[in-house]
Amino acid sequence: MSLPETVGTRSTRHSRDDVVAAGLRILDEHGLPDLTMRRLAATLDVQPSALYWHFANKQTLLASIADQIVSRAAPAGRTDDEWNGTARAEAEALRDALLAFRDGAEVVSSTLALGLGADEAQKRLSRAIHRGGYDDRTSEIAAAALLHFILGHVSHEQQRIQADSLGVVALGHSADPLGAVAGDRGREAFDFGIILLLSGLELRAHARTKHT
């Protein structure tokens, strides 16, 4: 009777973390379309079936990769910042973490959509907003709105970066003619959007207070 093959059949056995790390390398070097179980197995020098010792399917593997990406978001703001400063720091840190890996926004977005992981991103944003005196429900909804903006903005940035690297964007026919999403002005446009959302939340709260 043969036992299931663990990940690593020769001199080394690979842990779950090893598999995720290898997946991150493939993602960053080749992109999400090329992150297949077969390619991952070849990178680790095992049979594809060995990967299922740790992961039930590719989507659960991607969920663990998404969790790793989100965990690398390290806000630069101090813990004694005002709530909106903390929220901005969390948003900027998440943007940086997503941009650190090719197709990072797409991996995290799909994982969130399927409810398989990466929820720490929204929790951190929600905690920051909650510090402003907002109730749990408002904090959660506002955090979700921020997260959708972050993922959409970074996804656009990464698509533009990829298109530019392939030379498929014709001069004068860019989908982002002012350079407001990708390039040097990317962070400026991102910060503007985050401030706009947070300011809108404050104005909404003030308007409600005036009418009560």
N, C-alpha and C. Protein backbone atom coordinates (compact mmCIF):
# COMPACT_ATOMS: atom_id res chain seq x y z
N MET A 1 0.85 -1.20 0.00
CA MET A 1 0.00 0.00 0.00
C MET A 1 0.88 1.24 0.00
N SER A 2 0.69 2.12 -0.99
CA SER A 2 1.53 3.32 -1.07
C SER A 2 0.88 4.47 -0.33
N LEU A 3 1.70 5.26 0.34
CA LEU A 3 1.21 6.41 1.08
C LEU A 3 1.16 7.63 0.18
N PRO A 4 0.32 8.63 0.50
CA PRO A 4 0.29 9.85 -0.31
C PRO A 4 1.65 10.51 -0.32
N GLU A 5 2.00 11.03 -1.48
CA GLU A 5 3.30 11.69 -1.61
C GLU A 5 3.24 13.05 -0.93
N THR A 6 4.17 13.31 -0.04
CA THR A 6 4.25 14.63 0.56
C THR A 6 4.98 15.55 -0.39
N VAL A 7 4.89 16.85 -0.16
CA VAL A 7 5.52 17.80 -1.05
C VAL A 7 7.02 17.80 -0.81
N GLY A 8 7.74 17.14 -1.70
CA GLY A 8 9.18 17.00 -1.57
C GLY A 8 9.53 15.54 -1.47
N THR A 9 9.99 14.95 -2.56
CA THR A 9 10.18 13.51 -2.57
C THR A 9 11.63 13.10 -2.52
N ARG A 10 12.54 14.04 -2.63
CA ARG A 10 13.95 13.67 -2.67
C ARG A 10 14.60 14.00 -1.34
N SER A 11 15.58 14.86 -1.34
CA SER A 11 16.30 15.12 -0.10
C SER A 11 15.56 16.09 0.82
N THR A 12 14.59 16.82 0.27
CA THR A 12 13.91 17.84 1.05
C THR A 12 12.41 17.67 0.96
N ARG A 13 11.74 17.85 2.09
CA ARG A 13 10.29 17.89 2.09
C ARG A 13 9.86 19.33 2.27
N HIS A 14 8.96 19.77 1.43
CA HIS A 14 8.53 21.16 1.46
C HIS A 14 7.30 21.33 2.33
N SER A 15 7.31 22.38 3.13
CA SER A 15 6.18 22.68 3.99
C SER A 15 5.13 23.47 3.21
N ARG A 16 4.00 23.70 3.85
CA ARG A 16 2.95 24.53 3.26
C ARG A 16 3.49 25.93 2.94
N ASP A 17 4.28 26.47 3.86
CA ASP A 17 4.87 27.80 3.64
C ASP A 17 5.81 27.79 2.44
N ASP A 18 6.54 26.70 2.25
CA ASP A 18 7.43 26.59 1.10
C ASP A 18 6.65 26.64 -0.20
N VAL A 19 5.51 25.97 -0.22
CA VAL A 19 4.67 25.94 -1.42
C VAL A 19 4.15 27.35 -1.72
N VAL A 20 3.69 28.04 -0.69
CA VAL A 20 3.18 29.41 -0.87
C VAL A 20 4.30 30.33 -1.36
N ALA A 21 5.49 30.20 -0.79
CA ALA A 21 6.62 31.03 -1.20
C ALA A 21 6.98 30.79 -2.67
N ALA A 22 6.96 29.53 -3.08
CA ALA A 22 7.24 29.20 -4.48
C ALA A 22 6.16 29.77 -5.39
N GLY A 23 4.92 29.71 -4.93
CA GLY A 23 3.82 30.28 -5.70
C GLY A 23 3.96 31.78 -5.87
N LEU A 24 4.39 32.46 -4.81
CA LEU A 24 4.62 33.90 -4.89
C LEU A 24 5.72 34.24 -5.90
N ARG A 25 6.76 33.42 -5.93
CA ARG A 25 7.86 33.67 -6.88
C ARG A 25 7.37 33.52 -8.32
N ILE A 26 6.59 32.48 -8.56
CA ILE A 26 6.06 32.26 -9.92
C ILE A 26 5.13 33.41 -10.30
N LEU A 27 4.27 33.80 -9.36
CA LEU A 27 3.34 34.90 -9.62
C LEU A 27 4.10 36.16 -10.01
N ASP A 28 5.13 36.49 -9.26
CA ASP A 28 5.86 37.72 -9.49
C ASP A 28 6.67 37.68 -10.78
N GLU A 29 7.21 36.51 -11.11
CA GLU A 29 8.06 36.39 -12.29
C GLU A 29 7.28 36.19 -13.58
N HIS A 30 6.14 35.50 -13.50
CA HIS A 30 5.43 35.11 -14.72
C HIS A 30 3.98 35.59 -14.80
N GLY A 31 3.39 35.98 -13.67
CA GLY A 31 2.00 36.43 -13.69
C GLY A 31 1.02 35.33 -13.34
N LEU A 32 -0.21 35.74 -13.01
CA LEU A 32 -1.23 34.81 -12.56
C LEU A 32 -1.59 33.73 -13.58
N PRO A 33 -1.71 34.04 -14.88
CA PRO A 33 -2.06 32.99 -15.84
C PRO A 33 -1.08 31.82 -15.86
N ASP A 34 0.19 32.09 -15.56
CA ASP A 34 1.20 31.04 -15.58
C ASP A 34 1.41 30.36 -14.23
N LEU A 35 0.66 30.77 -13.23
CA LEU A 35 0.76 30.12 -11.92
C LEU A 35 -0.18 28.92 -11.91
N THR A 36 0.30 27.81 -12.45
CA THR A 36 -0.48 26.58 -12.50
C THR A 36 0.08 25.57 -11.50
N MET A 37 -0.74 24.62 -11.14
CA MET A 37 -0.28 23.58 -10.21
C MET A 37 0.85 22.78 -10.83
N ARG A 38 0.79 22.58 -12.13
CA ARG A 38 1.84 21.82 -12.81
C ARG A 38 3.17 22.56 -12.77
N ARG A 39 3.11 23.85 -13.03
CA ARG A 39 4.35 24.64 -13.00
C ARG A 39 4.90 24.73 -11.59
N LEU A 40 4.02 24.89 -10.62
CA LEU A 40 4.45 24.96 -9.22
C LEU A 40 5.11 23.65 -8.80
N ALA A 41 4.51 22.54 -9.21
CA ALA A 41 5.08 21.23 -8.88
C ALA A 41 6.46 21.07 -9.50
N ALA A 42 6.61 21.52 -10.74
CA ALA A 42 7.91 21.42 -11.41
C ALA A 42 8.96 22.26 -10.70
N THR A 43 8.55 23.43 -10.22
CA THR A 43 9.47 24.31 -9.49
C THR A 43 9.96 23.64 -8.21
N LEU A 44 9.06 22.92 -7.56
CA LEU A 44 9.40 22.25 -6.30
C LEU A 44 9.95 20.84 -6.51
N ASP A 45 9.99 20.41 -7.78
CA ASP A 45 10.51 19.08 -8.13
C ASP A 45 9.67 17.97 -7.50
N VAL A 46 8.34 18.09 -7.64
CA VAL A 46 7.43 17.06 -7.15
C VAL A 46 6.36 16.82 -8.21
N GLN A 47 5.56 15.79 -8.01
CA GLN A 47 4.42 15.54 -8.87
C GLN A 47 3.29 16.51 -8.49
N PRO A 48 2.46 16.94 -9.45
CA PRO A 48 1.35 17.84 -9.13
C PRO A 48 0.45 17.31 -8.02
N SER A 49 0.25 16.01 -7.98
CA SER A 49 -0.63 15.42 -6.95
C SER A 49 -0.10 15.68 -5.54
N ALA A 50 1.21 15.89 -5.42
CA ALA A 50 1.81 16.11 -4.10
C ALA A 50 1.34 17.42 -3.48
N LEU A 51 1.00 18.39 -4.32
CA LEU A 51 0.58 19.69 -3.81
C LEU A 51 -0.74 19.61 -3.06
N TYR A 52 -1.56 18.62 -3.43
CA TYR A 52 -2.88 18.50 -2.80
C TYR A 52 -2.79 17.94 -1.38
N TRP A 53 -1.61 17.61 -0.96
CA TRP A 53 -1.39 17.24 0.44
C TRP A 53 -1.63 18.46 1.33
N HIS A 54 -1.28 19.63 0.78
CA HIS A 54 -1.42 20.88 1.53
C HIS A 54 -2.63 21.71 1.11
N PHE A 55 -3.02 21.63 -0.16
CA PHE A 55 -4.10 22.47 -0.67
C PHE A 55 -5.11 21.64 -1.44
N ALA A 56 -6.39 21.85 -1.14
CA ALA A 56 -7.45 21.07 -1.78
C ALA A 56 -7.55 21.36 -3.26
N ASN A 57 -7.25 22.59 -3.65
CA ASN A 57 -7.34 22.99 -5.05
C ASN A 57 -6.52 24.26 -5.26
N LYS A 58 -6.49 24.71 -6.51
CA LYS A 58 -5.69 25.90 -6.82
C LYS A 58 -6.23 27.14 -6.12
N GLN A 59 -7.55 27.24 -5.99
CA GLN A 59 -8.12 28.44 -5.40
C GLN A 59 -7.74 28.59 -3.93
N THR A 60 -7.65 27.48 -3.21
CA THR A 60 -7.22 27.58 -1.80
C THR A 60 -5.74 27.94 -1.71
N LEU A 61 -4.96 27.49 -2.69
CA LEU A 61 -3.56 27.91 -2.75
C LEU A 61 -3.48 29.42 -2.99
N LEU A 62 -4.27 29.92 -3.95
CA LEU A 62 -4.27 31.35 -4.23
C LEU A 62 -4.73 32.16 -3.02
N ALA A 63 -5.64 31.58 -2.23
CA ALA A 63 -6.11 32.26 -1.02
C ALA A 63 -4.97 32.43 -0.03
N SER A 64 -4.14 31.41 0.10
CA SER A 64 -2.99 31.51 1.01
C SER A 64 -1.96 32.51 0.48
N ILE A 65 -1.81 32.55 -0.84
CA ILE A 65 -0.91 33.54 -1.44
C ILE A 65 -1.45 34.94 -1.20
N ALA A 66 -2.77 35.11 -1.33
CA ALA A 66 -3.39 36.41 -1.08
C ALA A 66 -3.18 36.84 0.37
N ASP A 67 -3.33 35.89 1.30
CA ASP A 67 -3.10 36.19 2.71
C ASP A 67 -1.67 36.67 2.94
N GLN A 68 -0.73 36.03 2.25
CA GLN A 68 0.67 36.43 2.38
C GLN A 68 0.90 37.85 1.88
N ILE A 69 0.29 38.17 0.74
CA ILE A 69 0.44 39.51 0.17
C ILE A 69 -0.10 40.56 1.14
N VAL A 70 -1.31 40.31 1.65
CA VAL A 70 -1.94 41.26 2.57
C VAL A 70 -1.13 41.41 3.86
N SER A 71 -0.56 40.31 4.33
CA SER A 71 0.20 40.34 5.60
C SER A 71 1.44 41.21 5.50
N ARG A 72 1.90 41.48 4.28
CA ARG A 72 3.11 42.27 4.10
C ARG A 72 2.83 43.78 4.09
N ALA A 73 1.58 44.15 4.23
CA ALA A 73 1.23 45.58 4.28
C ALA A 73 1.65 46.13 5.64
N ALA A 74 2.62 47.03 5.63
CA ALA A 74 3.15 47.59 6.88
C ALA A 74 2.95 49.10 6.89
N PRO A 75 1.90 49.58 7.58
CA PRO A 75 1.62 51.02 7.60
C PRO A 75 2.77 51.81 8.21
N ALA A 76 3.04 52.97 7.62
CA ALA A 76 4.12 53.83 8.13
C ALA A 76 3.61 54.79 9.20
N GLY A 77 2.29 54.95 9.30
CA GLY A 77 1.73 55.89 10.26
C GLY A 77 1.89 55.42 11.69
N ARG A 78 1.89 56.35 12.64
CA ARG A 78 2.01 56.02 14.06
C ARG A 78 0.66 55.60 14.61
N THR A 79 0.68 54.85 15.68
CA THR A 79 -0.57 54.38 16.28
C THR A 79 -1.34 55.51 16.95
N ASP A 80 -0.68 56.67 17.20
CA ASP A 80 -1.38 57.78 17.84
C ASP A 80 -1.91 58.79 16.83
N ASP A 81 -1.85 58.44 15.53
CA ASP A 81 -2.41 59.29 14.49
C ASP A 81 -3.91 59.42 14.67
N GLU A 82 -4.49 60.48 14.09
CA GLU A 82 -5.94 60.58 14.00
C GLU A 82 -6.46 59.41 13.17
N TRP A 83 -7.72 59.08 13.35
CA TRP A 83 -8.27 57.90 12.68
C TRP A 83 -8.12 57.96 11.17
N ASN A 84 -8.32 59.17 10.59
CA ASN A 84 -8.21 59.25 9.14
C ASN A 84 -6.77 59.11 8.66
N GLY A 85 -5.81 59.56 9.50
CA GLY A 85 -4.41 59.35 9.17
C GLY A 85 -4.04 57.88 9.22
N THR A 86 -4.60 57.18 10.21
CA THR A 86 -4.36 55.74 10.32
C THR A 86 -4.97 55.00 9.14
N ALA A 87 -6.18 55.39 8.75
CA ALA A 87 -6.85 54.75 7.62
C ALA A 87 -6.06 54.98 6.33
N ARG A 88 -5.55 56.19 6.14
CA ARG A 88 -4.74 56.47 4.96
C ARG A 88 -3.46 55.64 4.96
N ALA A 89 -2.83 55.52 6.12
CA ALA A 89 -1.60 54.72 6.22
C ALA A 89 -1.88 53.26 5.89
N GLU A 90 -3.00 52.74 6.36
CA GLU A 90 -3.37 51.35 6.06
C GLU A 90 -3.61 51.18 4.56
N ALA A 91 -4.30 52.14 3.96
CA ALA A 91 -4.59 52.06 2.53
C ALA A 91 -3.31 52.12 1.69
N GLU A 92 -2.42 53.02 2.05
CA GLU A 92 -1.16 53.15 1.32
C GLU A 92 -0.29 51.90 1.47
N ALA A 93 -0.29 51.33 2.67
CA ALA A 93 0.50 50.11 2.90
C ALA A 93 -0.06 48.95 2.08
N LEU A 94 -1.38 48.87 1.99
CA LEU A 94 -1.98 47.80 1.20
C LEU A 94 -1.67 47.98 -0.28
N ARG A 95 -1.73 49.22 -0.76
CA ARG A 95 -1.37 49.48 -2.16
C ARG A 95 0.06 49.02 -2.44
N ASP A 96 0.98 49.38 -1.56
CA ASP A 96 2.38 48.99 -1.75
C ASP A 96 2.54 47.47 -1.75
N ALA A 97 1.81 46.79 -0.86
CA ALA A 97 1.91 45.33 -0.78
C ALA A 97 1.37 44.68 -2.05
N LEU A 98 0.28 45.21 -2.59
CA LEU A 98 -0.30 44.67 -3.82
C LEU A 98 0.63 44.90 -5.01
N LEU A 99 1.22 46.09 -5.07
CA LEU A 99 2.11 46.42 -6.18
C LEU A 99 3.43 45.66 -6.12
N ALA A 100 3.75 45.12 -4.96
CA ALA A 100 5.02 44.41 -4.80
C ALA A 100 5.05 43.10 -5.58
N PHE A 101 3.87 42.60 -5.95
CA PHE A 101 3.79 41.34 -6.69
C PHE A 101 2.95 41.52 -7.95
N ARG A 102 3.45 41.00 -9.03
CA ARG A 102 2.72 41.06 -10.29
C ARG A 102 1.33 40.44 -10.12
N ASP A 103 0.31 41.11 -10.60
CA ASP A 103 -1.09 40.65 -10.50
C ASP A 103 -1.55 40.49 -9.05
N GLY A 104 -0.88 41.20 -8.13
CA GLY A 104 -1.25 41.08 -6.72
C GLY A 104 -2.68 41.48 -6.44
N ALA A 105 -3.15 42.56 -7.08
CA ALA A 105 -4.52 43.02 -6.86
C ALA A 105 -5.53 42.00 -7.35
N GLU A 106 -5.25 41.37 -8.47
CA GLU A 106 -6.18 40.38 -9.02
C GLU A 106 -6.28 39.15 -8.12
N VAL A 107 -5.17 38.72 -7.57
CA VAL A 107 -5.17 37.55 -6.68
C VAL A 107 -5.98 37.85 -5.42
N VAL A 108 -5.74 38.99 -4.81
CA VAL A 108 -6.46 39.35 -3.58
C VAL A 108 -7.93 39.59 -3.86
N SER A 109 -8.24 40.26 -4.97
CA SER A 109 -9.63 40.55 -5.32
C SER A 109 -10.44 39.28 -5.53
N SER A 110 -9.88 38.33 -6.28
CA SER A 110 -10.62 37.08 -6.54
C SER A 110 -10.80 36.27 -5.26
N THR A 111 -9.80 36.29 -4.40
CA THR A 111 -9.90 35.57 -3.13
C THR A 111 -11.00 36.16 -2.25
N LEU A 112 -11.06 37.48 -2.19
CA LEU A 112 -12.10 38.15 -1.41
C LEU A 112 -13.48 37.86 -1.99
N ALA A 113 -13.59 37.89 -3.31
CA ALA A 113 -14.88 37.67 -3.96
C ALA A 113 -15.43 36.28 -3.66
N LEU A 114 -14.55 35.31 -3.51
CA LEU A 114 -14.96 33.94 -3.23
C LEU A 114 -15.07 33.66 -1.74
N GLY A 115 -14.70 34.63 -0.92
CA GLY A 115 -14.79 34.46 0.53
C GLY A 115 -13.82 33.45 1.09
N LEU A 116 -12.65 33.33 0.44
CA LEU A 116 -11.68 32.32 0.85
C LEU A 116 -10.54 32.87 1.70
N GLY A 117 -10.45 34.18 1.84
CA GLY A 117 -9.34 34.73 2.62
C GLY A 117 -9.10 36.19 2.31
N ALA A 118 -7.93 36.67 2.73
CA ALA A 118 -7.50 38.06 2.53
C ALA A 118 -8.42 39.06 3.21
N ASP A 119 -9.27 38.60 4.14
CA ASP A 119 -10.21 39.50 4.81
C ASP A 119 -9.53 40.40 5.84
N GLU A 120 -8.28 40.12 6.16
CA GLU A 120 -7.55 40.97 7.12
C GLU A 120 -7.41 42.39 6.59
N ALA A 121 -7.38 42.54 5.27
CA ALA A 121 -7.26 43.88 4.68
C ALA A 121 -8.44 44.75 5.07
N GLN A 122 -9.65 44.22 4.93
CA GLN A 122 -10.83 45.00 5.29
C GLN A 122 -10.93 45.19 6.79
N LYS A 123 -10.53 44.20 7.56
CA LYS A 123 -10.59 44.32 9.02
C LYS A 123 -9.70 45.46 9.52
N ARG A 124 -8.51 45.58 8.93
CA ARG A 124 -7.58 46.63 9.36
C ARG A 124 -8.12 48.01 9.01
N LEU A 125 -8.70 48.13 7.83
CA LEU A 125 -9.31 49.41 7.44
C LEU A 125 -10.49 49.73 8.35
N SER A 126 -11.29 48.72 8.65
CA SER A 126 -12.46 48.91 9.51
C SER A 126 -12.06 49.35 10.91
N ARG A 127 -11.00 48.73 11.45
CA ARG A 127 -10.53 49.12 12.79
C ARG A 127 -10.07 50.58 12.81
N ALA A 128 -9.39 50.99 11.75
CA ALA A 128 -8.92 52.37 11.68
C ALA A 128 -10.09 53.35 11.65
N ILE A 129 -11.10 53.03 10.87
CA ILE A 129 -12.27 53.91 10.76
C ILE A 129 -13.06 53.93 12.06
N HIS A 130 -13.14 52.78 12.71
CA HIS A 130 -13.89 52.67 13.96
C HIS A 130 -13.32 53.61 15.02
N ARG A 131 -12.01 53.89 14.93
CA ARG A 131 -11.37 54.80 15.88
C ARG A 131 -11.93 56.22 15.78
N GLY A 132 -12.60 56.52 14.66
CA GLY A 132 -13.19 57.84 14.49
C GLY A 132 -14.55 57.98 15.13
N GLY A 133 -14.98 56.95 15.86
CA GLY A 133 -16.26 57.01 16.56
C GLY A 133 -17.42 56.48 15.75
N TYR A 134 -17.13 55.87 14.61
CA TYR A 134 -18.19 55.31 13.78
C TYR A 134 -18.62 53.95 14.33
N ASP A 135 -19.90 53.63 14.14
CA ASP A 135 -20.39 52.34 14.64
C ASP A 135 -19.84 51.21 13.78
N ASP A 136 -20.03 49.99 14.24
CA ASP A 136 -19.46 48.82 13.58
C ASP A 136 -19.92 48.71 12.13
N ARG A 137 -21.22 48.88 11.90
CA ARG A 137 -21.76 48.72 10.55
C ARG A 137 -21.19 49.77 9.60
N THR A 138 -21.17 51.01 10.03
CA THR A 138 -20.62 52.08 9.19
C THR A 138 -19.14 51.84 8.90
N SER A 139 -18.41 51.40 9.91
CA SER A 139 -16.97 51.13 9.74
C SER A 139 -16.75 50.02 8.72
N GLU A 140 -17.57 48.98 8.78
CA GLU A 140 -17.43 47.86 7.85
C GLU A 140 -17.75 48.27 6.42
N ILE A 141 -18.85 49.02 6.24
CA ILE A 141 -19.24 49.44 4.89
C ILE A 141 -18.22 50.41 4.31
N ALA A 142 -17.76 51.35 5.13
CA ALA A 142 -16.76 52.32 4.66
C ALA A 142 -15.45 51.61 4.30
N ALA A 143 -15.06 50.63 5.11
CA ALA A 143 -13.84 49.86 4.83
C ALA A 143 -13.98 49.10 3.53
N ALA A 144 -15.16 48.53 3.28
CA ALA A 144 -15.39 47.81 2.03
C ALA A 144 -15.28 48.74 0.83
N ALA A 145 -15.82 49.96 0.96
CA ALA A 145 -15.73 50.93 -0.13
C ALA A 145 -14.28 51.31 -0.40
N LEU A 146 -13.52 51.54 0.67
CA LEU A 146 -12.09 51.84 0.52
C LEU A 146 -11.35 50.70 -0.16
N LEU A 147 -11.64 49.48 0.29
CA LEU A 147 -10.95 48.32 -0.25
C LEU A 147 -11.25 48.13 -1.73
N HIS A 148 -12.50 48.34 -2.11
CA HIS A 148 -12.86 48.22 -3.53
C HIS A 148 -12.11 49.26 -4.37
N PHE A 149 -11.98 50.46 -3.84
CA PHE A 149 -11.22 51.49 -4.55
C PHE A 149 -9.75 51.08 -4.66
N ILE A 150 -9.18 50.62 -3.56
CA ILE A 150 -7.76 50.22 -3.56
C ILE A 150 -7.50 49.12 -4.58
N LEU A 151 -8.32 48.08 -4.55
CA LEU A 151 -8.13 46.96 -5.47
C LEU A 151 -8.32 47.38 -6.92
N GLY A 152 -9.34 48.20 -7.17
CA GLY A 152 -9.58 48.66 -8.53
C GLY A 152 -8.46 49.55 -9.05
N HIS A 153 -7.99 50.45 -8.21
CA HIS A 153 -6.92 51.36 -8.61
C HIS A 153 -5.63 50.59 -8.90
N VAL A 154 -5.26 49.70 -7.99
CA VAL A 154 -4.02 48.94 -8.18
C VAL A 154 -4.13 47.99 -9.37
N SER A 155 -5.31 47.40 -9.55
CA SER A 155 -5.51 46.52 -10.71
C SER A 155 -5.28 47.29 -12.00
N HIS A 156 -5.80 48.50 -12.07
CA HIS A 156 -5.59 49.36 -13.24
C HIS A 156 -4.11 49.69 -13.40
N GLU A 157 -3.45 50.02 -12.30
CA GLU A 157 -2.02 50.31 -12.34
C GLU A 157 -1.24 49.13 -12.91
N GLN A 158 -1.54 47.95 -12.40
CA GLN A 158 -0.78 46.77 -12.82
C GLN A 158 -1.08 46.38 -14.26
N GLN A 159 -2.32 46.58 -14.69
CA GLN A 159 -2.63 46.32 -16.10
C GLN A 159 -1.88 47.28 -17.00
N ARG A 160 -1.81 48.54 -16.58
CA ARG A 160 -1.10 49.54 -17.38
C ARG A 160 0.40 49.25 -17.41
N ILE A 161 0.96 48.86 -16.28
CA ILE A 161 2.38 48.51 -16.23
C ILE A 161 2.68 47.36 -17.19
N GLN A 162 1.80 46.34 -17.16
CA GLN A 162 1.98 45.19 -18.03
C GLN A 162 1.84 45.59 -19.50
N ALA A 163 0.85 46.42 -19.80
CA ALA A 163 0.64 46.85 -21.19
C ALA A 163 1.83 47.66 -21.69
N ASP A 164 2.34 48.54 -20.85
CA ASP A 164 3.50 49.35 -21.24
C ASP A 164 4.73 48.48 -21.47
N SER A 165 4.90 47.45 -20.62
CA SER A 165 6.07 46.58 -20.77
C SER A 165 6.01 45.78 -22.06
N LEU A 166 4.80 45.52 -22.53
CA LEU A 166 4.62 44.77 -23.78
C LEU A 166 4.56 45.68 -25.00
N GLY A 167 4.51 46.98 -24.75
CA GLY A 167 4.46 47.93 -25.86
C GLY A 167 3.16 47.91 -26.62
N VAL A 168 2.06 47.59 -25.96
CA VAL A 168 0.78 47.47 -26.67
C VAL A 168 -0.09 48.72 -26.53
N VAL A 169 0.39 49.73 -25.80
CA VAL A 169 -0.37 50.97 -25.67
C VAL A 169 0.19 51.97 -26.67
N ALA A 170 -0.62 52.32 -27.66
CA ALA A 170 -0.17 53.23 -28.70
C ALA A 170 -0.03 54.64 -28.16
N LEU A 171 1.01 55.34 -28.57
CA LEU A 171 1.24 56.70 -28.14
C LEU A 171 0.05 57.58 -28.55
N GLY A 172 -0.48 58.31 -27.59
CA GLY A 172 -1.61 59.18 -27.88
C GLY A 172 -2.95 58.50 -27.78
N HIS A 173 -2.94 57.19 -27.50
CA HIS A 173 -4.19 56.45 -27.39
C HIS A 173 -4.26 55.70 -26.07
N SER A 174 -3.61 56.22 -25.07
CA SER A 174 -3.60 55.57 -23.77
C SER A 174 -4.95 55.65 -23.09
N ALA A 175 -5.30 54.58 -22.37
CA ALA A 175 -6.53 54.59 -21.58
C ALA A 175 -6.38 55.52 -20.38
N ASP A 176 -5.15 55.94 -20.13
CA ASP A 176 -4.85 56.82 -18.99
C ASP A 176 -3.98 57.97 -19.52
N PRO A 177 -4.52 58.81 -20.42
CA PRO A 177 -3.70 59.79 -21.13
C PRO A 177 -2.99 60.80 -20.25
N LEU A 178 -3.51 61.08 -19.06
CA LEU A 178 -2.88 62.06 -18.18
C LEU A 178 -1.89 61.43 -17.23
N GLY A 179 -1.75 60.12 -17.29
CA GLY A 179 -0.82 59.44 -16.40
C GLY A 179 -1.25 59.47 -14.96
N ALA A 180 -2.56 59.58 -14.73
CA ALA A 180 -3.06 59.74 -13.37
C ALA A 180 -3.14 58.44 -12.60
N VAL A 181 -3.03 57.31 -13.30
CA VAL A 181 -3.14 56.04 -12.60
C VAL A 181 -1.80 55.35 -12.49
N ALA A 182 -1.07 55.27 -13.58
CA ALA A 182 0.24 54.61 -13.54
C ALA A 182 1.34 55.67 -13.59
N GLY A 183 2.54 55.25 -13.25
CA GLY A 183 3.68 56.14 -13.32
C GLY A 183 3.84 56.98 -12.07
N ASP A 184 4.55 58.11 -12.24
CA ASP A 184 4.90 58.95 -11.10
C ASP A 184 3.67 59.54 -10.40
N ARG A 185 2.60 59.73 -11.13
CA ARG A 185 1.42 60.35 -10.54
C ARG A 185 0.46 59.32 -9.95
N GLY A 186 0.85 58.06 -9.99
CA GLY A 186 -0.03 57.01 -9.47
C GLY A 186 -0.37 57.19 -8.01
N ARG A 187 0.63 57.45 -7.18
CA ARG A 187 0.36 57.61 -5.75
C ARG A 187 -0.45 58.88 -5.49
N GLU A 188 -0.17 59.93 -6.24
CA GLU A 188 -0.93 61.17 -6.06
C GLU A 188 -2.41 60.93 -6.33
N ALA A 189 -2.71 60.23 -7.42
CA ALA A 189 -4.10 59.95 -7.77
C ALA A 189 -4.74 59.02 -6.74
N PHE A 190 -3.96 58.06 -6.27
CA PHE A 190 -4.45 57.13 -5.26
C PHE A 190 -4.78 57.87 -3.97
N ASP A 191 -3.85 58.69 -3.50
CA ASP A 191 -4.06 59.45 -2.26
C ASP A 191 -5.28 60.36 -2.38
N PHE A 192 -5.46 60.97 -3.54
CA PHE A 192 -6.62 61.84 -3.75
C PHE A 192 -7.92 61.06 -3.59
N GLY A 193 -7.97 59.86 -4.16
CA GLY A 193 -9.17 59.05 -4.04
C GLY A 193 -9.46 58.63 -2.61
N ILE A 194 -8.42 58.24 -1.88
CA ILE A 194 -8.60 57.83 -0.48
C ILE A 194 -9.09 59.01 0.36
N ILE A 195 -8.47 60.17 0.18
CA ILE A 195 -8.88 61.36 0.93
C ILE A 195 -10.32 61.73 0.59
N LEU A 196 -10.68 61.61 -0.67
CA LEU A 196 -12.05 61.92 -1.10
C LEU A 196 -13.06 61.03 -0.39
N LEU A 197 -12.77 59.75 -0.30
CA LEU A 197 -13.68 58.81 0.36
C LEU A 197 -13.77 59.09 1.86
N LEU A 198 -12.64 59.31 2.49
CA LEU A 198 -12.64 59.56 3.94
C LEU A 198 -13.30 60.90 4.26
N SER A 199 -13.07 61.90 3.43
CA SER A 199 -13.71 63.21 3.64
C SER A 199 -15.22 63.09 3.47
N GLY A 200 -15.63 62.30 2.49
CA GLY A 200 -17.06 62.09 2.29
C GLY A 200 -17.70 61.41 3.48
N LEU A 201 -16.98 60.48 4.09
CA LEU A 201 -17.49 59.80 5.28
C LEU A 201 -17.68 60.80 6.42
N GLU A 202 -16.70 61.70 6.59
CA GLU A 202 -16.80 62.71 7.64
C GLU A 202 -17.97 63.66 7.40
N LEU A 203 -18.12 64.11 6.16
CA LEU A 203 -19.22 65.02 5.83
C LEU A 203 -20.57 64.36 6.06
N ARG A 204 -20.66 63.09 5.73
CA ARG A 204 -21.91 62.35 5.94
C ARG A 204 -22.24 62.29 7.43
N ALA A 205 -21.21 62.04 8.24
CA ALA A 205 -21.42 61.95 9.69
C ALA A 205 -21.85 63.31 10.25
N HIS A 206 -21.22 64.39 9.78
CA HIS A 206 -21.56 65.73 10.25
C HIS A 206 -22.99 66.10 9.86
N ALA A 207 -23.37 65.73 8.63
CA ALA A 207 -24.73 66.04 8.16
C ALA A 207 -25.76 65.32 9.00
N ARG A 208 -25.47 64.07 9.35
CA ARG A 208 -26.41 63.31 10.17
C ARG A 208 -26.52 63.90 11.57
N THR A 209 -25.38 64.38 12.09
CA THR A 209 -25.38 64.97 13.43
C THR A 209 -26.24 66.24 13.47
N LYS A 210 -26.16 67.04 12.41
CA LYS A 210 -26.92 68.29 12.34
C LYS A 210 -28.42 68.05 12.28
N HIS A 211 -28.81 66.90 11.76
CA HIS A 211 -30.24 66.62 11.60
C HIS A 211 -30.80 65.76 12.72
N THR A 212 -30.02 65.57 13.78
CA THR A 212 -30.51 64.78 14.92
C THR A 212 -30.66 65.66 16.16
